[in-house]
């Protein structure tokens, strides 16, 4: 896959993740939408057993997954790596209260990135999450995303802890910005 191109392997990891969410009884999906999550969010939105809730900030998702658990339902939080910085303080809730908090994070600032603003947080995500007690599952192959989400959700719901599947930029593709475009 060339810099800025889309993945050449046509493995639909979003189908796999959606199937895991259904199998694990995840009914609420909190997200600050991201282009890398579009296919997965579309699948969840179309699923009558799931409710996709668009958040203003990613840290609201910690309250969503905690509240869902306390109310007898299962939820997951989906976001881009740049949003991880917004959840750090809120991650104290699942850590102290031992509530499940499965997260799926599409990574930026990695292989093929052309937006320098994405690199600092993208590089820091694994270490920052681990420092907050989150068990991380980095994945760079589309065919491994489903099994990583299975492992992460099993650990989150069985162990009452926060987990994060970090979907590498080689899977979602790198966005390309020319010198005259808006790099957001």
N, C-alpha and C. Protein backbone atom coordinates (compact mmCIF):
# COMPACT_ATOMS: atom_id res chain seq x y z
N UNK A 1 0.85 -1.18 0.00
CA UNK A 1 0.00 0.00 0.00
C UNK A 1 0.88 1.23 0.00
N UNK A 2 0.67 2.11 -0.91
CA UNK A 2 1.46 3.32 -1.01
C UNK A 2 1.02 4.35 0.00
N UNK A 3 1.87 5.34 0.21
CA UNK A 3 1.55 6.41 1.13
C UNK A 3 0.27 7.09 0.66
N UNK A 4 -0.66 7.24 1.54
CA UNK A 4 -1.89 7.93 1.24
C UNK A 4 -2.93 7.11 0.51
N UNK A 5 -2.61 5.88 0.23
CA UNK A 5 -3.58 5.05 -0.47
C UNK A 5 -4.43 4.29 0.53
N UNK A 6 -5.49 3.73 0.01
CA UNK A 6 -6.34 2.90 0.85
C UNK A 6 -5.75 1.50 0.91
N UNK A 7 -6.12 0.72 1.91
CA UNK A 7 -5.59 -0.63 2.03
C UNK A 7 -5.88 -1.44 0.77
N UNK A 8 -4.88 -2.25 0.36
CA UNK A 8 -5.04 -3.04 -0.85
C UNK A 8 -5.75 -4.36 -0.58
N UNK A 9 -5.72 -4.85 0.63
CA UNK A 9 -6.39 -6.09 0.97
C UNK A 9 -7.84 -5.78 1.29
N UNK A 10 -8.74 -6.49 0.65
CA UNK A 10 -10.17 -6.20 0.81
C UNK A 10 -10.78 -7.03 1.93
N UNK A 11 -10.23 -6.93 3.11
CA UNK A 11 -10.78 -7.62 4.27
C UNK A 11 -11.65 -6.62 5.03
N UNK A 12 -12.90 -6.97 5.21
CA UNK A 12 -13.83 -6.06 5.86
C UNK A 12 -13.80 -6.27 7.37
N UNK A 13 -12.84 -5.64 8.01
CA UNK A 13 -12.71 -5.78 9.46
C UNK A 13 -13.93 -5.22 10.19
N UNK A 14 -14.62 -4.24 9.59
CA UNK A 14 -15.81 -3.67 10.24
C UNK A 14 -16.90 -4.73 10.39
N UNK A 15 -17.02 -5.62 9.41
CA UNK A 15 -18.00 -6.71 9.51
C UNK A 15 -17.65 -7.62 10.68
N UNK A 16 -16.35 -7.91 10.83
CA UNK A 16 -15.90 -8.77 11.92
C UNK A 16 -16.17 -8.14 13.28
N UNK A 17 -15.88 -6.85 13.42
CA UNK A 17 -16.09 -6.17 14.69
C UNK A 17 -17.58 -6.10 15.01
N UNK A 18 -18.39 -5.78 14.03
CA UNK A 18 -19.84 -5.75 14.24
C UNK A 18 -20.34 -7.11 14.71
N UNK A 19 -19.85 -8.18 14.10
CA UNK A 19 -20.26 -9.54 14.50
C UNK A 19 -19.86 -9.82 15.94
N UNK A 20 -18.69 -9.37 16.35
CA UNK A 20 -18.26 -9.55 17.74
C UNK A 20 -19.17 -8.76 18.67
N UNK A 21 -19.46 -7.52 18.33
CA UNK A 21 -20.36 -6.70 19.16
C UNK A 21 -21.70 -7.39 19.34
N UNK A 22 -22.26 -7.94 18.27
CA UNK A 22 -23.55 -8.65 18.36
C UNK A 22 -23.42 -9.88 19.26
N UNK A 23 -22.36 -10.65 19.05
CA UNK A 23 -22.16 -11.89 19.82
C UNK A 23 -21.96 -11.60 21.31
N UNK A 24 -21.34 -10.48 21.63
CA UNK A 24 -21.05 -10.12 23.03
C UNK A 24 -22.17 -9.32 23.67
N UNK A 25 -23.24 -9.05 22.92
CA UNK A 25 -24.38 -8.33 23.48
C UNK A 25 -24.16 -6.84 23.68
N UNK A 26 -23.26 -6.26 22.92
CA UNK A 26 -23.03 -4.82 23.02
C UNK A 26 -24.16 -4.11 22.29
N UNK A 27 -24.89 -3.29 23.03
CA UNK A 27 -26.09 -2.64 22.48
C UNK A 27 -25.93 -1.13 22.32
N UNK A 28 -24.94 -0.54 23.00
CA UNK A 28 -24.73 0.90 22.89
C UNK A 28 -23.32 1.16 22.39
N UNK A 29 -23.22 2.04 21.41
CA UNK A 29 -21.94 2.41 20.81
C UNK A 29 -21.78 3.92 20.98
N UNK A 30 -20.81 4.33 21.77
CA UNK A 30 -20.50 5.75 21.92
C UNK A 30 -19.36 6.10 20.99
N UNK A 31 -19.47 7.24 20.29
CA UNK A 31 -18.41 7.59 19.35
C UNK A 31 -18.35 9.09 19.09
N UNK A 32 -17.16 9.55 18.84
CA UNK A 32 -16.93 10.80 18.13
C UNK A 32 -16.53 10.30 16.75
N UNK A 33 -17.41 10.44 15.76
CA UNK A 33 -17.18 9.79 14.46
C UNK A 33 -15.84 10.15 13.83
N UNK A 34 -15.32 9.20 13.08
CA UNK A 34 -14.05 9.31 12.40
C UNK A 34 -14.18 8.57 11.07
N UNK A 35 -13.55 9.06 10.04
CA UNK A 35 -13.64 8.42 8.72
C UNK A 35 -13.20 6.96 8.77
N UNK A 36 -12.20 6.63 9.59
CA UNK A 36 -11.73 5.25 9.69
C UNK A 36 -12.75 4.31 10.32
N UNK A 37 -13.73 4.86 11.00
CA UNK A 37 -14.77 4.07 11.66
C UNK A 37 -16.09 4.04 10.88
N UNK A 38 -16.18 4.73 9.77
CA UNK A 38 -17.45 4.92 9.06
C UNK A 38 -18.16 3.61 8.76
N UNK A 39 -17.46 2.65 8.17
CA UNK A 39 -18.12 1.39 7.80
C UNK A 39 -18.66 0.67 9.04
N UNK A 40 -17.89 0.65 10.12
CA UNK A 40 -18.34 0.00 11.35
C UNK A 40 -19.54 0.75 11.94
N UNK A 41 -19.46 2.06 11.99
CA UNK A 41 -20.57 2.85 12.54
C UNK A 41 -21.83 2.68 11.69
N UNK A 42 -21.68 2.60 10.37
CA UNK A 42 -22.83 2.37 9.50
C UNK A 42 -23.48 1.02 9.81
N UNK A 43 -22.66 -0.01 10.01
CA UNK A 43 -23.19 -1.34 10.33
C UNK A 43 -23.94 -1.31 11.67
N UNK A 44 -23.34 -0.67 12.66
CA UNK A 44 -23.97 -0.59 13.98
C UNK A 44 -25.26 0.22 13.92
N UNK A 45 -25.24 1.30 13.16
CA UNK A 45 -26.43 2.16 13.02
C UNK A 45 -27.57 1.39 12.37
N UNK A 46 -27.25 0.53 11.41
CA UNK A 46 -28.28 -0.25 10.70
C UNK A 46 -28.80 -1.43 11.52
N UNK A 47 -28.10 -1.78 12.58
CA UNK A 47 -28.47 -2.93 13.41
C UNK A 47 -29.54 -2.49 14.42
N UNK A 48 -30.70 -3.12 14.35
CA UNK A 48 -31.80 -2.74 15.23
C UNK A 48 -31.54 -3.05 16.70
N UNK A 49 -30.55 -3.90 16.99
CA UNK A 49 -30.25 -4.23 18.38
C UNK A 49 -29.25 -3.26 19.01
N UNK A 50 -28.71 -2.35 18.20
CA UNK A 50 -27.68 -1.43 18.69
C UNK A 50 -28.13 0.02 18.54
N UNK A 51 -27.58 0.84 19.42
CA UNK A 51 -27.85 2.27 19.36
C UNK A 51 -26.51 2.99 19.32
N UNK A 52 -26.29 3.77 18.26
CA UNK A 52 -25.07 4.56 18.12
C UNK A 52 -25.34 5.95 18.68
N UNK A 53 -24.52 6.35 19.64
CA UNK A 53 -24.68 7.65 20.30
C UNK A 53 -23.47 8.52 19.95
N UNK A 54 -23.72 9.61 19.28
CA UNK A 54 -22.65 10.53 18.91
C UNK A 54 -22.34 11.43 20.09
N UNK A 55 -21.09 11.45 20.46
CA UNK A 55 -20.63 12.20 21.63
C UNK A 55 -20.05 13.54 21.21
N UNK A 56 -20.06 14.49 22.11
CA UNK A 56 -19.41 15.77 21.86
C UNK A 56 -17.91 15.64 22.06
N UNK A 57 -17.53 14.91 23.09
CA UNK A 57 -16.12 14.64 23.40
C UNK A 57 -16.00 13.18 23.79
N UNK A 58 -14.83 12.64 23.56
CA UNK A 58 -14.60 11.22 23.83
C UNK A 58 -14.74 10.84 25.29
N UNK A 59 -14.43 11.74 26.22
CA UNK A 59 -14.52 11.40 27.64
C UNK A 59 -15.96 11.14 28.06
N UNK A 60 -16.94 11.67 27.34
CA UNK A 60 -18.34 11.35 27.63
C UNK A 60 -18.61 9.85 27.46
N UNK A 61 -17.82 9.22 26.61
CA UNK A 61 -17.99 7.79 26.35
C UNK A 61 -17.68 6.93 27.57
N UNK A 62 -16.80 7.39 28.43
CA UNK A 62 -16.50 6.64 29.65
C UNK A 62 -17.75 6.59 30.53
N UNK A 63 -18.43 7.72 30.65
CA UNK A 63 -19.69 7.75 31.39
C UNK A 63 -20.76 6.89 30.73
N UNK A 64 -20.79 6.88 29.41
CA UNK A 64 -21.77 6.08 28.68
C UNK A 64 -21.56 4.59 28.96
N UNK A 65 -20.32 4.09 28.80
CA UNK A 65 -20.11 2.65 29.01
C UNK A 65 -20.31 2.27 30.47
N UNK A 66 -19.96 3.16 31.39
CA UNK A 66 -20.16 2.89 32.81
C UNK A 66 -21.66 2.86 33.13
N UNK A 67 -22.38 3.85 32.66
CA UNK A 67 -23.82 3.90 32.90
C UNK A 67 -24.56 2.73 32.27
N UNK A 68 -24.14 2.34 31.08
CA UNK A 68 -24.77 1.18 30.43
C UNK A 68 -24.57 -0.06 31.30
N UNK A 69 -23.36 -0.27 31.78
CA UNK A 69 -23.05 -1.44 32.61
C UNK A 69 -23.89 -1.42 33.89
N UNK A 70 -23.96 -0.28 34.53
CA UNK A 70 -24.75 -0.17 35.76
C UNK A 70 -26.23 -0.39 35.49
N UNK A 71 -26.68 -0.08 34.27
CA UNK A 71 -28.07 -0.27 33.89
C UNK A 71 -28.35 -1.64 33.28
N UNK A 72 -27.36 -2.53 33.31
CA UNK A 72 -27.57 -3.89 32.82
C UNK A 72 -27.32 -4.10 31.34
N UNK A 73 -26.71 -3.14 30.66
CA UNK A 73 -26.39 -3.30 29.25
C UNK A 73 -24.89 -3.21 29.03
N UNK A 74 -24.49 -3.58 27.82
CA UNK A 74 -23.09 -3.50 27.43
C UNK A 74 -22.91 -2.43 26.37
N UNK A 75 -21.81 -1.71 26.48
CA UNK A 75 -21.50 -0.63 25.54
C UNK A 75 -20.03 -0.67 25.18
N UNK A 76 -19.69 0.00 24.10
CA UNK A 76 -18.30 0.14 23.67
C UNK A 76 -18.09 1.58 23.23
N UNK A 77 -16.85 2.03 23.30
CA UNK A 77 -16.47 3.38 22.92
C UNK A 77 -15.56 3.29 21.70
N UNK A 78 -15.89 4.02 20.63
CA UNK A 78 -15.12 4.05 19.40
C UNK A 78 -14.61 5.45 19.14
N UNK A 79 -13.32 5.59 18.80
CA UNK A 79 -12.75 6.91 18.58
C UNK A 79 -11.47 6.83 17.78
N UNK A 80 -11.01 7.99 17.33
CA UNK A 80 -9.72 8.11 16.68
C UNK A 80 -8.65 8.36 17.74
N UNK A 81 -7.41 8.04 17.43
CA UNK A 81 -6.33 8.18 18.41
C UNK A 81 -6.19 9.60 18.94
N UNK A 82 -6.49 10.60 18.15
CA UNK A 82 -6.37 11.98 18.64
C UNK A 82 -7.35 12.26 19.78
N UNK A 83 -8.40 11.47 19.90
CA UNK A 83 -9.36 11.64 20.98
C UNK A 83 -8.97 10.97 22.28
N UNK A 84 -7.95 10.12 22.24
CA UNK A 84 -7.54 9.41 23.45
C UNK A 84 -7.11 10.38 24.54
N UNK A 85 -6.49 11.46 24.15
CA UNK A 85 -6.07 12.44 25.14
C UNK A 85 -7.23 13.00 25.94
N UNK A 86 -8.42 13.00 25.37
CA UNK A 86 -9.60 13.52 26.06
C UNK A 86 -10.16 12.55 27.10
N UNK A 87 -9.78 11.29 27.08
CA UNK A 87 -10.37 10.31 28.01
C UNK A 87 -9.48 9.99 29.21
N UNK A 88 -8.29 10.51 29.24
CA UNK A 88 -7.31 10.07 30.25
C UNK A 88 -7.83 10.22 31.67
N UNK A 89 -8.30 11.37 32.06
CA UNK A 89 -8.79 11.56 33.43
C UNK A 89 -10.00 10.68 33.71
N UNK A 90 -10.90 10.58 32.74
CA UNK A 90 -12.12 9.79 32.93
C UNK A 90 -11.83 8.30 33.07
N UNK A 91 -10.68 7.83 32.59
CA UNK A 91 -10.34 6.41 32.72
C UNK A 91 -10.15 5.99 34.18
N UNK A 92 -10.13 6.94 35.08
CA UNK A 92 -10.09 6.61 36.51
C UNK A 92 -11.36 5.86 36.91
N UNK A 93 -12.49 6.14 36.26
CA UNK A 93 -13.76 5.51 36.62
C UNK A 93 -13.70 3.99 36.44
N UNK A 94 -13.39 3.47 35.24
CA UNK A 94 -13.33 2.01 35.13
C UNK A 94 -12.21 1.40 35.97
N UNK A 95 -11.13 2.14 36.16
CA UNK A 95 -10.02 1.63 36.97
C UNK A 95 -10.43 1.45 38.43
N UNK A 96 -11.05 2.45 39.02
CA UNK A 96 -11.43 2.40 40.43
C UNK A 96 -12.69 1.57 40.65
N UNK A 97 -13.66 1.73 39.76
CA UNK A 97 -14.96 1.07 39.95
C UNK A 97 -15.01 -0.34 39.36
N UNK A 98 -13.98 -0.73 38.62
CA UNK A 98 -13.90 -2.07 38.01
C UNK A 98 -15.07 -2.32 37.06
N UNK A 99 -15.40 -1.30 36.27
CA UNK A 99 -16.46 -1.45 35.27
C UNK A 99 -15.83 -1.70 33.90
N UNK A 100 -16.44 -2.53 33.09
CA UNK A 100 -15.91 -2.82 31.76
C UNK A 100 -15.93 -1.59 30.86
N UNK A 101 -14.85 -1.41 30.12
CA UNK A 101 -14.76 -0.27 29.21
C UNK A 101 -14.00 -0.70 27.95
N UNK A 102 -14.69 -1.42 27.04
CA UNK A 102 -14.01 -1.79 25.79
C UNK A 102 -13.98 -0.61 24.82
N UNK A 103 -12.81 -0.37 24.23
CA UNK A 103 -12.64 0.73 23.28
C UNK A 103 -12.04 0.20 21.99
N UNK A 104 -12.42 0.82 20.89
CA UNK A 104 -11.81 0.57 19.59
C UNK A 104 -11.29 1.92 19.12
N UNK A 105 -9.98 1.96 18.82
CA UNK A 105 -9.32 3.22 18.48
C UNK A 105 -8.67 3.08 17.10
N UNK A 106 -9.08 3.94 16.16
CA UNK A 106 -8.40 3.98 14.87
C UNK A 106 -7.21 4.92 15.02
N UNK A 107 -6.06 4.43 14.63
CA UNK A 107 -4.81 5.15 14.87
C UNK A 107 -4.49 6.12 13.74
N UNK A 108 -3.92 7.24 14.13
CA UNK A 108 -3.35 8.22 13.21
C UNK A 108 -1.92 8.46 13.69
N UNK A 109 -1.17 9.17 12.89
CA UNK A 109 0.21 9.52 13.26
C UNK A 109 1.17 8.37 13.09
N UNK A 110 0.77 7.37 12.34
CA UNK A 110 1.62 6.19 12.12
C UNK A 110 2.05 6.15 10.66
N UNK A 111 2.25 4.97 10.17
CA UNK A 111 2.72 4.70 8.83
C UNK A 111 1.91 5.44 7.77
N UNK A 112 2.59 6.26 6.97
CA UNK A 112 1.95 6.97 5.88
C UNK A 112 1.29 8.28 6.25
N UNK A 113 1.37 8.68 7.50
CA UNK A 113 0.73 9.92 7.95
C UNK A 113 1.38 11.12 7.28
N UNK A 114 0.57 12.06 6.82
CA UNK A 114 1.09 13.29 6.23
C UNK A 114 0.71 14.53 7.04
N UNK A 115 -0.06 14.35 8.09
CA UNK A 115 -0.47 15.46 8.94
C UNK A 115 0.35 15.41 10.23
N UNK A 116 1.33 16.27 10.33
CA UNK A 116 2.23 16.25 11.48
C UNK A 116 1.52 16.46 12.81
N UNK A 117 0.34 17.08 12.80
CA UNK A 117 -0.41 17.31 14.04
C UNK A 117 -0.93 16.00 14.63
N UNK A 118 -1.03 14.96 13.83
CA UNK A 118 -1.54 13.67 14.31
C UNK A 118 -0.44 12.81 14.95
N UNK A 119 0.81 13.12 14.70
CA UNK A 119 1.91 12.26 15.14
C UNK A 119 2.10 12.23 16.66
N UNK A 120 2.13 13.35 17.36
CA UNK A 120 2.39 13.27 18.80
C UNK A 120 1.42 12.37 19.57
N UNK A 121 0.13 12.58 19.41
CA UNK A 121 -0.84 11.75 20.15
C UNK A 121 -0.84 10.33 19.61
N UNK A 122 -0.78 10.18 18.29
CA UNK A 122 -0.74 8.84 17.72
C UNK A 122 0.42 8.01 18.26
N UNK A 123 1.55 8.65 18.45
CA UNK A 123 2.72 7.95 18.99
C UNK A 123 2.57 7.65 20.48
N UNK A 124 1.87 8.52 21.20
CA UNK A 124 1.76 8.38 22.65
C UNK A 124 0.65 7.44 23.11
N UNK A 125 -0.33 7.16 22.25
CA UNK A 125 -1.53 6.42 22.66
C UNK A 125 -1.22 5.13 23.42
N UNK A 126 -0.42 4.20 22.90
CA UNK A 126 -0.22 2.95 23.66
C UNK A 126 0.35 3.17 25.06
N UNK A 127 1.34 4.02 25.18
CA UNK A 127 1.95 4.26 26.48
C UNK A 127 1.02 4.97 27.45
N UNK A 128 0.28 5.94 26.95
CA UNK A 128 -0.66 6.69 27.80
C UNK A 128 -1.76 5.77 28.31
N UNK A 129 -2.33 4.97 27.41
CA UNK A 129 -3.39 4.06 27.84
C UNK A 129 -2.87 3.02 28.84
N UNK A 130 -1.70 2.48 28.57
CA UNK A 130 -1.12 1.49 29.50
C UNK A 130 -0.85 2.13 30.86
N UNK A 131 -0.40 3.38 30.87
CA UNK A 131 -0.15 4.08 32.14
C UNK A 131 -1.43 4.23 32.95
N UNK A 132 -2.58 4.27 32.28
CA UNK A 132 -3.87 4.39 32.96
C UNK A 132 -4.50 3.03 33.24
N UNK A 133 -3.74 1.96 33.03
CA UNK A 133 -4.23 0.62 33.35
C UNK A 133 -5.06 -0.04 32.27
N UNK A 134 -5.08 0.54 31.07
CA UNK A 134 -5.84 -0.03 29.96
C UNK A 134 -5.00 -1.12 29.29
N UNK A 135 -5.60 -2.28 29.07
CA UNK A 135 -4.93 -3.36 28.35
C UNK A 135 -5.10 -3.09 26.86
N UNK A 136 -3.99 -2.96 26.14
CA UNK A 136 -4.02 -2.59 24.74
C UNK A 136 -3.75 -3.79 23.83
N UNK A 137 -4.47 -3.82 22.72
CA UNK A 137 -4.33 -4.83 21.69
C UNK A 137 -4.04 -4.13 20.36
N UNK A 138 -2.77 -3.84 20.06
CA UNK A 138 -2.47 -3.20 18.79
C UNK A 138 -2.60 -4.21 17.64
N UNK A 139 -3.21 -3.77 16.53
CA UNK A 139 -3.43 -4.65 15.39
C UNK A 139 -3.02 -3.92 14.12
N UNK A 140 -2.21 -4.58 13.29
CA UNK A 140 -1.78 -4.02 12.02
C UNK A 140 -2.19 -4.86 10.82
N UNK A 141 -3.00 -5.88 11.06
CA UNK A 141 -3.48 -6.74 9.98
C UNK A 141 -5.01 -6.84 10.09
N UNK A 142 -5.69 -6.52 9.00
CA UNK A 142 -7.15 -6.46 9.00
C UNK A 142 -7.78 -7.77 9.45
N UNK A 143 -7.19 -8.87 9.06
CA UNK A 143 -7.77 -10.18 9.41
C UNK A 143 -7.65 -10.50 10.90
N UNK A 144 -6.90 -9.72 11.66
CA UNK A 144 -6.74 -9.97 13.10
C UNK A 144 -7.60 -9.04 13.97
N UNK A 145 -8.29 -8.08 13.35
CA UNK A 145 -9.07 -7.11 14.12
C UNK A 145 -10.20 -7.81 14.90
N UNK A 146 -10.95 -8.69 14.25
CA UNK A 146 -12.07 -9.36 14.91
C UNK A 146 -11.64 -10.15 16.13
N UNK A 147 -10.54 -10.90 16.00
CA UNK A 147 -10.09 -11.69 17.15
C UNK A 147 -9.54 -10.80 18.26
N UNK A 148 -8.96 -9.67 17.91
CA UNK A 148 -8.49 -8.73 18.93
C UNK A 148 -9.67 -8.12 19.68
N UNK A 149 -10.74 -7.78 18.96
CA UNK A 149 -11.93 -7.23 19.61
C UNK A 149 -12.59 -8.29 20.49
N UNK A 150 -12.58 -9.53 20.04
CA UNK A 150 -13.11 -10.62 20.88
C UNK A 150 -12.32 -10.72 22.19
N UNK A 151 -10.99 -10.74 22.08
CA UNK A 151 -10.15 -10.84 23.28
C UNK A 151 -10.35 -9.64 24.19
N UNK A 152 -10.42 -8.44 23.60
CA UNK A 152 -10.57 -7.22 24.40
C UNK A 152 -11.92 -7.17 25.11
N UNK A 153 -12.99 -7.53 24.40
CA UNK A 153 -14.30 -7.49 25.05
C UNK A 153 -14.43 -8.57 26.10
N UNK A 154 -13.88 -9.75 25.84
CA UNK A 154 -13.90 -10.80 26.85
C UNK A 154 -13.19 -10.33 28.13
N UNK A 155 -12.01 -9.73 27.96
CA UNK A 155 -11.26 -9.27 29.12
C UNK A 155 -12.01 -8.14 29.83
N UNK A 156 -12.56 -7.21 29.07
CA UNK A 156 -13.27 -6.08 29.68
C UNK A 156 -14.46 -6.56 30.50
N UNK A 157 -15.30 -7.41 29.89
CA UNK A 157 -16.53 -7.82 30.57
C UNK A 157 -16.29 -8.89 31.63
N UNK A 158 -15.29 -9.71 31.47
CA UNK A 158 -14.99 -10.73 32.48
C UNK A 158 -14.19 -10.17 33.64
N UNK A 159 -13.29 -9.23 33.33
CA UNK A 159 -12.39 -8.72 34.35
C UNK A 159 -12.75 -7.37 34.90
N UNK A 160 -13.80 -6.72 34.38
CA UNK A 160 -14.16 -5.39 34.86
C UNK A 160 -13.03 -4.41 34.69
N UNK A 161 -12.58 -4.26 33.44
CA UNK A 161 -11.45 -3.38 33.20
C UNK A 161 -11.57 -2.69 31.85
N UNK A 162 -10.72 -1.72 31.63
CA UNK A 162 -10.66 -1.00 30.36
C UNK A 162 -9.70 -1.72 29.42
N UNK A 163 -10.14 -1.87 28.16
CA UNK A 163 -9.31 -2.47 27.12
C UNK A 163 -9.42 -1.60 25.87
N UNK A 164 -8.42 -1.67 25.01
CA UNK A 164 -8.45 -0.89 23.77
C UNK A 164 -7.82 -1.68 22.65
N UNK A 165 -8.55 -1.83 21.55
CA UNK A 165 -8.01 -2.38 20.32
C UNK A 165 -7.54 -1.18 19.51
N UNK A 166 -6.25 -1.15 19.19
CA UNK A 166 -5.65 -0.05 18.46
C UNK A 166 -5.48 -0.48 17.01
N UNK A 167 -6.36 -0.01 16.13
CA UNK A 167 -6.35 -0.42 14.73
C UNK A 167 -5.36 0.46 13.98
N UNK A 168 -4.26 -0.15 13.56
CA UNK A 168 -3.17 0.57 12.93
C UNK A 168 -3.53 1.25 11.63
N UNK A 169 -2.77 2.26 11.31
CA UNK A 169 -3.01 3.05 10.12
C UNK A 169 -2.78 2.25 8.83
N UNK A 170 -2.02 1.20 8.89
CA UNK A 170 -1.87 0.34 7.71
C UNK A 170 -3.21 -0.30 7.35
N UNK A 171 -4.09 -0.47 8.31
CA UNK A 171 -5.39 -1.09 8.06
C UNK A 171 -6.39 -0.06 7.53
N UNK A 172 -6.46 1.08 8.18
CA UNK A 172 -7.48 2.08 7.80
C UNK A 172 -7.04 2.95 6.64
N UNK A 173 -5.75 2.98 6.34
CA UNK A 173 -5.24 3.82 5.27
C UNK A 173 -4.86 5.19 5.80
N UNK A 174 -3.94 5.81 5.11
CA UNK A 174 -3.48 7.14 5.51
C UNK A 174 -4.21 8.19 4.69
N UNK A 175 -4.59 9.27 5.34
CA UNK A 175 -5.20 10.39 4.63
C UNK A 175 -4.07 11.22 4.04
N UNK A 176 -4.28 11.71 2.83
CA UNK A 176 -3.26 12.52 2.17
C UNK A 176 -3.75 13.96 2.09
N UNK A 177 -2.87 14.88 2.45
CA UNK A 177 -3.17 16.30 2.37
C UNK A 177 -2.11 16.95 1.51
N UNK A 178 -2.52 17.70 0.48
CA UNK A 178 -1.52 18.41 -0.29
C UNK A 178 -1.23 19.72 0.42
N UNK A 179 -0.23 20.42 -0.04
CA UNK A 179 0.22 21.62 0.67
C UNK A 179 -0.83 22.72 0.70
N UNK A 180 -1.83 22.67 -0.19
CA UNK A 180 -2.85 23.69 -0.20
C UNK A 180 -4.15 23.30 0.48
N UNK A 181 -4.19 22.10 1.09
CA UNK A 181 -5.45 21.65 1.69
C UNK A 181 -5.46 21.85 3.20
N UNK A 182 -6.63 21.76 3.76
CA UNK A 182 -6.82 21.87 5.20
C UNK A 182 -6.39 20.57 5.85
N UNK A 183 -5.42 20.57 6.76
CA UNK A 183 -4.89 19.33 7.34
C UNK A 183 -5.69 18.77 8.51
N UNK A 184 -6.94 19.14 8.70
CA UNK A 184 -7.70 18.64 9.84
C UNK A 184 -8.17 17.23 9.64
